[in-house]
Structure formats: structure tokens, C-alpha cells
All heavy atoms as atom14 arrays in JSON, in Angstrom:
{
  "sequence": "AAALIDALPDEDLARRLDAVVDLAGAEIYLDRFEDAGR",
  "atom14_mask": [
    [1, 1, 1, 1, 1, 0, 0, 0, 0, 0, 0, 0, 0, 0],
    [1, 1, 1, 1, 1, 0, 0, 0, 0, 0, 0, 0, 0, 0],
    [1, 1, 1, 1, 1, 0, 0, 0, 0, 0, 0, 0, 0, 0],
    [1, 1, 1, 1, 1, 1, 1, 1, 0, 0, 0, 0, 0, 0],
    [1, 1, 1, 1, 1, 1, 1, 1, 0, 0, 0, 0, 0, 0],
    [1, 1, 1, 1, 1, 1, 1, 1, 0, 0, 0, 0, 0, 0],
    [1, 1, 1, 1, 1, 0, 0, 0, 0, 0, 0, 0, 0, 0],
    [1, 1, 1, 1, 1, 1, 1, 1, 0, 0, 0, 0, 0, 0],
    [1, 1, 1, 1, 1, 1, 1, 0, 0, 0, 0, 0, 0, 0],
    [1, 1, 1, 1, 1, 1, 1, 1, 0, 0, 0, 0, 0, 0],
    [1, 1, 1, 1, 1, 1, 1, 1, 1, 0, 0, 0, 0, 0],
    [1, 1, 1, 1, 1, 1, 1, 1, 0, 0, 0, 0, 0, 0],
    [1, 1, 1, 1, 1, 1, 1, 1, 0, 0, 0, 0, 0, 0],
    [1, 1, 1, 1, 1, 0, 0, 0, 0, 0, 0, 0, 0, 0],
    [1, 1, 1, 1, 1, 1, 1, 1, 1, 1, 1, 0, 0, 0],
    [1, 1, 1, 1, 1, 1, 1, 1, 1, 1, 1, 0, 0, 0],
    [1, 1, 1, 1, 1, 1, 1, 1, 0, 0, 0, 0, 0, 0],
    [1, 1, 1, 1, 1, 1, 1, 1, 0, 0, 0, 0, 0, 0],
    [1, 1, 1, 1, 1, 0, 0, 0, 0, 0, 0, 0, 0, 0],
    [1, 1, 1, 1, 1, 1, 1, 0, 0, 0, 0, 0, 0, 0],
    [1, 1, 1, 1, 1, 1, 1, 0, 0, 0, 0, 0, 0, 0],
    [1, 1, 1, 1, 1, 1, 1, 1, 0, 0, 0, 0, 0, 0],
    [1, 1, 1, 1, 1, 1, 1, 1, 0, 0, 0, 0, 0, 0],
    [1, 1, 1, 1, 1, 0, 0, 0, 0, 0, 0, 0, 0, 0],
    [1, 1, 1, 1, 0, 0, 0, 0, 0, 0, 0, 0, 0, 0],
    [1, 1, 1, 1, 1, 0, 0, 0, 0, 0, 0, 0, 0, 0],
    [1, 1, 1, 1, 1, 1, 1, 1, 1, 0, 0, 0, 0, 0],
    [1, 1, 1, 1, 1, 1, 1, 1, 0, 0, 0, 0, 0, 0],
    [1, 1, 1, 1, 1, 1, 1, 1, 1, 1, 1, 1, 0, 0],
    [1, 1, 1, 1, 1, 1, 1, 1, 0, 0, 0, 0, 0, 0],
    [1, 1, 1, 1, 1, 1, 1, 1, 0, 0, 0, 0, 0, 0],
    [1, 1, 1, 1, 1, 1, 1, 1, 1, 1, 1, 0, 0, 0],
    [1, 1, 1, 1, 1, 1, 1, 1, 1, 1, 1, 0, 0, 0],
    [1, 1, 1, 1, 1, 1, 1, 1, 1, 0, 0, 0, 0, 0],
    [1, 1, 1, 1, 1, 1, 1, 1, 0, 0, 0, 0, 0, 0],
    [1, 1, 1, 1, 1, 0, 0, 0, 0, 0, 0, 0, 0, 0],
    [1, 1, 1, 1, 0, 0, 0, 0, 0, 0, 0, 0, 0, 0],
    [1, 1, 1, 1, 1, 1, 1, 1, 1, 1, 1, 0, 0, 0]
  ],
  "atom14_positions": [
    [[2.94, -5.83, 5.43], [1.71, -5.21, 4.91], [1.77, -5.08, 3.39], [0.78, -5.34, 2.69], [1.51, -3.83, 5.55], [0.0, 0.0, 0.0], [0.0, 0.0, 0.0], [0.0, 0.0, 0.0], [0.0, 0.0, 0.0], [0.0, 0.0, 0.0], [0.0, 0.0, 0.0], [0.0, 0.0, 0.0], [0.0, 0.0, 0.0], [0.0, 0.0, 0.0]],
    [[2.93, -4.68, 2.87], [3.08, -4.52, 1.43], [2.88, -5.85, 0.71], [2.23, -5.9, -0.34], [4.46, -3.95, 1.1], [0.0, 0.0, 0.0], [0.0, 0.0, 0.0], [0.0, 0.0, 0.0], [0.0, 0.0, 0.0], [0.0, 0.0, 0.0], [0.0, 0.0, 0.0], [0.0, 0.0, 0.0], [0.0, 0.0, 0.0], [0.0, 0.0, 0.0]],
    [[3.41, -6.92, 1.26], [3.25, -8.24, 0.64], [1.79, -8.66, 0.6], [1.3, -9.2, -0.41], [4.09, -9.27, 1.39], [0.0, 0.0, 0.0], [0.0, 0.0, 0.0], [0.0, 0.0, 0.0], [0.0, 0.0, 0.0], [0.0, 0.0, 0.0], [0.0, 0.0, 0.0], [0.0, 0.0, 0.0], [0.0, 0.0, 0.0], [0.0, 0.0, 0.0]],
    [[1.06, -8.4, 1.67], [-0.36, -8.75, 1.72], [-1.16, -7.93, 0.71], [-2.0, -8.45, -0.02], [-0.91, -8.53, 3.13], [-0.44, -9.51, 4.21], [-0.83, -8.99, 5.59], [-1.03, -10.88, 3.98], [0.0, 0.0, 0.0], [0.0, 0.0, 0.0], [0.0, 0.0, 0.0], [0.0, 0.0, 0.0], [0.0, 0.0, 0.0], [0.0, 0.0, 0.0]],
    [[-0.88, -6.63, 0.68], [-1.63, -5.74, -0.21], [-1.31, -6.03, -1.67], [-2.19, -6.06, -2.53], [-1.33, -4.27, 0.14], [-2.12, -3.89, 1.41], [-1.65, -3.33, -1.0], [-1.79, -2.55, 1.99], [0.0, 0.0, 0.0], [0.0, 0.0, 0.0], [0.0, 0.0, 0.0], [0.0, 0.0, 0.0], [0.0, 0.0, 0.0], [0.0, 0.0, 0.0]],
    [[-0.03, -6.27, -1.98], [0.36, -6.54, -3.36], [-0.27, -7.83, -3.89], [-0.44, -7.99, -5.1], [1.88, -6.61, -3.48], [2.54, -5.26, -3.29], [1.83, -4.23, -3.4], [3.76, -5.22, -3.03], [0.0, 0.0, 0.0], [0.0, 0.0, 0.0], [0.0, 0.0, 0.0], [0.0, 0.0, 0.0], [0.0, 0.0, 0.0], [0.0, 0.0, 0.0]],
    [[-0.59, -8.74, -2.99], [-1.18, -10.02, -3.41], [-2.68, -9.92, -3.66], [-3.27, -10.82, -4.26], [-0.92, -11.09, -2.35], [0.0, 0.0, 0.0], [0.0, 0.0, 0.0], [0.0, 0.0, 0.0], [0.0, 0.0, 0.0], [0.0, 0.0, 0.0], [0.0, 0.0, 0.0], [0.0, 0.0, 0.0], [0.0, 0.0, 0.0], [0.0, 0.0, 0.0]],
    [[-3.31, -8.84, -3.23], [-4.76, -8.69, -3.38], [-5.13, -8.21, -4.78], [-4.5, -7.27, -5.29], [-5.31, -7.69, -2.37], [-5.37, -8.13, -0.9], [-5.81, -6.95, -0.05], [-6.34, -9.29, -0.73], [0.0, 0.0, 0.0], [0.0, 0.0, 0.0], [0.0, 0.0, 0.0], [0.0, 0.0, 0.0], [0.0, 0.0, 0.0], [0.0, 0.0, 0.0]],
    [[-6.15, -8.79, -5.39], [-6.66, -8.24, -6.66], [-7.36, -6.91, -6.4], [-7.79, -6.62, -5.27], [-7.65, -9.3, -7.14], [-8.06, -10.02, -5.9], [-6.88, -10.01, -4.98], [0.0, 0.0, 0.0], [0.0, 0.0, 0.0], [0.0, 0.0, 0.0], [0.0, 0.0, 0.0], [0.0, 0.0, 0.0], [0.0, 0.0, 0.0], [0.0, 0.0, 0.0]],
    [[-7.48, -6.09, -7.45], [-8.04, -4.75, -7.28], [-9.44, -4.77, -6.69], [-9.79, -3.9, -5.87], [-8.07, -4.03, -8.64], [-6.7, -3.59, -9.1], [-5.74, -3.73, -8.3], [-6.58, -3.11, -10.24], [0.0, 0.0, 0.0], [0.0, 0.0, 0.0], [0.0, 0.0, 0.0], [0.0, 0.0, 0.0], [0.0, 0.0, 0.0], [0.0, 0.0, 0.0]],
    [[-10.26, -5.76, -7.07], [-11.64, -5.77, -6.58], [-11.71, -5.99, -5.07], [-12.61, -5.48, -4.39], [-12.47, -6.83, -7.31], [-11.89, -8.24, -7.26], [-11.01, -8.54, -8.47], [-10.42, -7.6, -9.03], [-10.94, -9.74, -8.84], [0.0, 0.0, 0.0], [0.0, 0.0, 0.0], [0.0, 0.0, 0.0], [0.0, 0.0, 0.0], [0.0, 0.0, 0.0]],
    [[-10.77, -6.75, -4.51], [-10.72, -6.92, -3.05], [-10.13, -5.69, -2.38], [-10.61, -5.24, -1.33], [-9.9, -8.16, -2.68], [-10.61, -9.46, -3.08], [-11.83, -9.42, -3.29], [-9.92, -10.49, -3.17], [0.0, 0.0, 0.0], [0.0, 0.0, 0.0], [0.0, 0.0, 0.0], [0.0, 0.0, 0.0], [0.0, 0.0, 0.0], [0.0, 0.0, 0.0]],
    [[-9.08, -5.15, -2.99], [-8.41, -3.99, -2.42], [-9.35, -2.78, -2.37], [-9.24, -1.94, -1.46], [-7.17, -3.66, -3.24], [-6.18, -2.69, -2.61], [-5.56, -3.31, -1.36], [-5.09, -2.31, -3.6], [0.0, 0.0, 0.0], [0.0, 0.0, 0.0], [0.0, 0.0, 0.0], [0.0, 0.0, 0.0], [0.0, 0.0, 0.0], [0.0, 0.0, 0.0]],
    [[-10.26, -2.7, -3.32], [-11.17, -1.55, -3.39], [-12.0, -1.4, -2.13], [-12.46, -0.3, -1.82], [-12.09, -1.71, -4.6], [0.0, 0.0, 0.0], [0.0, 0.0, 0.0], [0.0, 0.0, 0.0], [0.0, 0.0, 0.0], [0.0, 0.0, 0.0], [0.0, 0.0, 0.0], [0.0, 0.0, 0.0], [0.0, 0.0, 0.0], [0.0, 0.0, 0.0]],
    [[-12.18, -2.48, -1.38], [-12.98, -2.41, -0.16], [-12.21, -1.8, 1.01], [-12.81, -1.43, 2.01], [-13.48, -3.82, 0.23], [-14.46, -4.4, -0.78], [-15.28, -5.54, -0.17], [-14.44, -6.72, 0.08], [-14.28, -7.7, -0.79], [-14.87, -7.64, -1.97], [-13.53, -8.74, -0.5], [0.0, 0.0, 0.0], [0.0, 0.0, 0.0], [0.0, 0.0, 0.0]],
    [[-10.88, -1.75, 0.89], [-10.07, -1.19, 1.97], [-8.91, -0.36, 1.42], [-7.75, -0.57, 1.75], [-9.52, -2.31, 2.87], [-10.55, -2.91, 3.81], [-11.19, -1.88, 4.75], [-10.2, -1.16, 5.52], [-9.73, -1.57, 6.68], [-10.17, -2.7, 7.21], [-8.84, -0.85, 7.33], [0.0, 0.0, 0.0], [0.0, 0.0, 0.0], [0.0, 0.0, 0.0]],
    [[-9.25, 0.62, 0.59], [-8.2, 1.48, 0.03], [-7.49, 2.29, 1.11], [-6.34, 2.7, 0.93], [-8.8, 2.43, -1.01], [-9.02, 1.85, -2.41], [-9.59, 2.92, -3.33], [-7.72, 1.3, -2.98], [0.0, 0.0, 0.0], [0.0, 0.0, 0.0], [0.0, 0.0, 0.0], [0.0, 0.0, 0.0], [0.0, 0.0, 0.0], [0.0, 0.0, 0.0]],
    [[-8.17, 2.51, 2.24], [-7.53, 3.26, 3.32], [-6.27, 2.55, 3.82], [-5.31, 3.2, 4.26], [-8.51, 3.47, 4.48], [-9.03, 2.15, 5.04], [-9.47, 1.3, 4.25], [-8.99, 1.98, 6.27], [0.0, 0.0, 0.0], [0.0, 0.0, 0.0], [0.0, 0.0, 0.0], [0.0, 0.0, 0.0], [0.0, 0.0, 0.0], [0.0, 0.0, 0.0]],
    [[-6.24, 1.21, 3.72], [-5.05, 0.46, 4.15], [-3.86, 0.8, 3.26], [-2.73, 0.93, 3.74], [-5.33, -1.04, 4.11], [0.0, 0.0, 0.0], [0.0, 0.0, 0.0], [0.0, 0.0, 0.0], [0.0, 0.0, 0.0], [0.0, 0.0, 0.0], [0.0, 0.0, 0.0], [0.0, 0.0, 0.0], [0.0, 0.0, 0.0], [0.0, 0.0, 0.0]],
    [[-4.11, 0.94, 1.96], [-3.02, 1.26, 1.04], [-2.55, 2.7, 1.23], [-1.36, 3.0, 1.12], [-3.44, 1.03, -0.43], [-2.21, 0.88, -1.3], [-4.32, -0.19, -0.56], [0.0, 0.0, 0.0], [0.0, 0.0, 0.0], [0.0, 0.0, 0.0], [0.0, 0.0, 0.0], [0.0, 0.0, 0.0], [0.0, 0.0, 0.0], [0.0, 0.0, 0.0]],
    [[-3.5, 3.58, 1.53], [-3.14, 4.98, 1.82], [-2.21, 5.03, 3.02], [-1.17, 5.71, 3.01], [-4.41, 5.83, 2.08], [-4.03, 7.23, 2.56], [-5.27, 5.91, 0.83], [0.0, 0.0, 0.0], [0.0, 0.0, 0.0], [0.0, 0.0, 0.0], [0.0, 0.0, 0.0], [0.0, 0.0, 0.0], [0.0, 0.0, 0.0], [0.0, 0.0, 0.0]],
    [[-2.56, 4.3, 4.07], [-1.72, 4.27, 5.28], [-0.35, 3.67, 4.98], [0.68, 4.14, 5.49], [-2.4, 3.47, 6.39], [-3.62, 4.18, 6.95], [-3.75, 5.4, 6.72], [-4.45, 3.53, 7.6], [0.0, 0.0, 0.0], [0.0, 0.0, 0.0], [0.0, 0.0, 0.0], [0.0, 0.0, 0.0], [0.0, 0.0, 0.0], [0.0, 0.0, 0.0]],
    [[-0.33, 2.62, 4.18], [0.94, 1.96, 3.84], [1.84, 2.92, 3.08], [3.03, 3.07, 3.41], [0.68, 0.72, 3.0], [1.93, 0.01, 2.45], [2.82, -0.49, 3.57], [1.53, -1.14, 1.53], [0.0, 0.0, 0.0], [0.0, 0.0, 0.0], [0.0, 0.0, 0.0], [0.0, 0.0, 0.0], [0.0, 0.0, 0.0], [0.0, 0.0, 0.0]],
    [[1.31, 3.6, 2.05], [2.11, 4.54, 1.26], [2.65, 5.66, 2.14], [3.8, 6.08, 2.01], [1.29, 5.1, 0.11], [0.0, 0.0, 0.0], [0.0, 0.0, 0.0], [0.0, 0.0, 0.0], [0.0, 0.0, 0.0], [0.0, 0.0, 0.0], [0.0, 0.0, 0.0], [0.0, 0.0, 0.0], [0.0, 0.0, 0.0], [0.0, 0.0, 0.0]],
    [[1.8, 6.14, 3.05], [2.25, 7.19, 3.96], [3.38, 6.73, 4.86], [4.35, 7.46, 5.1], [0.0, 0.0, 0.0], [0.0, 0.0, 0.0], [0.0, 0.0, 0.0], [0.0, 0.0, 0.0], [0.0, 0.0, 0.0], [0.0, 0.0, 0.0], [0.0, 0.0, 0.0], [0.0, 0.0, 0.0], [0.0, 0.0, 0.0], [0.0, 0.0, 0.0]],
    [[3.28, 5.5, 5.35], [4.35, 4.95, 6.2], [5.64, 4.78, 5.4], [6.74, 5.05, 5.9], [3.91, 3.61, 6.78], [0.0, 0.0, 0.0], [0.0, 0.0, 0.0], [0.0, 0.0, 0.0], [0.0, 0.0, 0.0], [0.0, 0.0, 0.0], [0.0, 0.0, 0.0], [0.0, 0.0, 0.0], [0.0, 0.0, 0.0], [0.0, 0.0, 0.0]],
    [[5.51, 4.34, 4.16], [6.7, 4.11, 3.34], [7.46, 5.4, 3.06], [8.69, 5.4, 2.97], [6.29, 3.42, 2.03], [5.94, 1.95, 2.24], [5.24, 1.32, 1.06], [4.56, 2.04, 0.29], [5.35, 0.08, 0.91], [0.0, 0.0, 0.0], [0.0, 0.0, 0.0], [0.0, 0.0, 0.0], [0.0, 0.0, 0.0], [0.0, 0.0, 0.0]],
    [[6.74, 6.53, 2.96], [7.4, 7.82, 2.78], [8.36, 8.1, 3.95], [9.43, 8.67, 3.78], [6.35, 8.95, 2.68], [5.69, 8.94, 1.31], [6.97, 10.32, 2.97], [6.57, 9.42, 0.19], [0.0, 0.0, 0.0], [0.0, 0.0, 0.0], [0.0, 0.0, 0.0], [0.0, 0.0, 0.0], [0.0, 0.0, 0.0], [0.0, 0.0, 0.0]],
    [[7.95, 7.68, 5.15], [8.74, 7.94, 6.35], [9.87, 6.92, 6.55], [10.63, 7.03, 7.49], [7.84, 7.94, 7.59], [7.0, 9.18, 7.72], [5.8, 9.3, 7.03], [7.41, 10.26, 8.51], [5.03, 10.44, 7.13], [6.64, 11.4, 8.62], [5.46, 11.49, 7.93], [4.7, 12.63, 8.03], [0.0, 0.0, 0.0], [0.0, 0.0, 0.0]],
    [[9.94, 5.92, 5.68], [10.9, 4.83, 5.89], [11.85, 4.66, 4.71], [12.35, 3.57, 4.46], [10.14, 3.52, 6.15], [9.36, 3.47, 7.46], [8.47, 2.24, 7.51], [10.31, 3.48, 8.65], [0.0, 0.0, 0.0], [0.0, 0.0, 0.0], [0.0, 0.0, 0.0], [0.0, 0.0, 0.0], [0.0, 0.0, 0.0], [0.0, 0.0, 0.0]],
    [[12.08, 5.75, 3.96], [13.03, 5.72, 2.83], [12.58, 4.79, 1.7], [13.4, 4.39, 0.88], [14.43, 5.27, 3.29], [15.16, 6.33, 4.1], [14.61, 7.43, 4.25], [16.27, 6.05, 4.58], [0.0, 0.0, 0.0], [0.0, 0.0, 0.0], [0.0, 0.0, 0.0], [0.0, 0.0, 0.0], [0.0, 0.0, 0.0], [0.0, 0.0, 0.0]],
    [[11.3, 4.44, 1.64], [10.83, 3.5, 0.61], [10.01, 4.27, -0.42], [8.81, 4.07, -0.59], [10.0, 2.38, 1.25], [10.79, 1.6, 2.29], [10.01, 0.43, 2.86], [10.81, -0.28, 3.86], [10.58, -1.53, 4.26], [9.58, -2.21, 3.74], [11.34, -2.09, 5.18], [0.0, 0.0, 0.0], [0.0, 0.0, 0.0], [0.0, 0.0, 0.0]],
    [[10.68, 5.16, -1.13], [9.97, 6.09, -1.99], [9.39, 5.42, -3.23], [8.29, 5.75, -3.66], [10.91, 7.23, -2.39], [11.53, 7.92, -1.2], [12.89, 7.84, -0.95], [10.72, 8.61, -0.3], [13.45, 8.43, 0.16], [11.27, 9.23, 0.81], [12.64, 9.13, 1.04], [0.0, 0.0, 0.0], [0.0, 0.0, 0.0], [0.0, 0.0, 0.0]],
    [[10.1, 4.48, -3.81], [9.58, 3.78, -4.97], [8.33, 2.98, -4.6], [7.32, 3.0, -5.32], [10.64, 2.84, -5.55], [10.19, 2.12, -6.8], [11.26, 1.22, -7.38], [12.44, 1.32, -6.96], [10.93, 0.4, -8.26], [0.0, 0.0, 0.0], [0.0, 0.0, 0.0], [0.0, 0.0, 0.0], [0.0, 0.0, 0.0], [0.0, 0.0, 0.0]],
    [[8.37, 2.3, -3.46], [7.21, 1.54, -3.0], [6.04, 2.47, -2.67], [4.88, 2.16, -3.0], [7.56, 0.71, -1.76], [8.5, -0.44, -2.07], [8.56, -0.85, -3.25], [9.17, -0.93, -1.15], [0.0, 0.0, 0.0], [0.0, 0.0, 0.0], [0.0, 0.0, 0.0], [0.0, 0.0, 0.0], [0.0, 0.0, 0.0], [0.0, 0.0, 0.0]],
    [[6.34, 3.6, -2.03], [5.29, 4.56, -1.7], [4.61, 5.06, -2.97], [3.38, 5.16, -3.03], [5.86, 5.72, -0.91], [0.0, 0.0, 0.0], [0.0, 0.0, 0.0], [0.0, 0.0, 0.0], [0.0, 0.0, 0.0], [0.0, 0.0, 0.0], [0.0, 0.0, 0.0], [0.0, 0.0, 0.0], [0.0, 0.0, 0.0], [0.0, 0.0, 0.0]],
    [[5.41, 5.37, -3.98], [4.85, 5.84, -5.24], [3.98, 4.78, -5.9], [2.88, 5.06, -6.39], [0.0, 0.0, 0.0], [0.0, 0.0, 0.0], [0.0, 0.0, 0.0], [0.0, 0.0, 0.0], [0.0, 0.0, 0.0], [0.0, 0.0, 0.0], [0.0, 0.0, 0.0], [0.0, 0.0, 0.0], [0.0, 0.0, 0.0], [0.0, 0.0, 0.0]],
    [[4.46, 3.55, -5.9], [3.72, 2.45, -6.53], [2.37, 2.23, -5.84], [1.35, 2.05, -6.5], [4.57, 1.18, -6.47], [3.93, -0.06, -7.04], [4.97, -1.16, -7.19], [5.66, -1.45, -5.95], [5.19, -2.24, -5.0], [4.01, -2.83, -5.14], [5.9, -2.49, -3.89], [0.0, 0.0, 0.0], [0.0, 0.0, 0.0], [0.0, 0.0, 0.0]]
  ]
}
């Protein structure tokens, strides 16, 4: 999921920001704090 999201330009990502919110939340639970913050 991170690879897909990181490859998207901001204008495309803006249509599904909820996906990034879910990803960051999942990363908090998986010891991926730097990625979650980013």
C-alpha cells in the first residue's frame, strides 16, 4: 500500500486521502513510526 500511495502525485492522492489516513494508522501498529509520520 505504501509503495502505491508514494507513487501517486498529490492531485490524485487528494481524491482518496482516507487511504493514507488508514495506512498511517496501520503503520503505527507495526513499528513503522517514521513511515507513519511521513
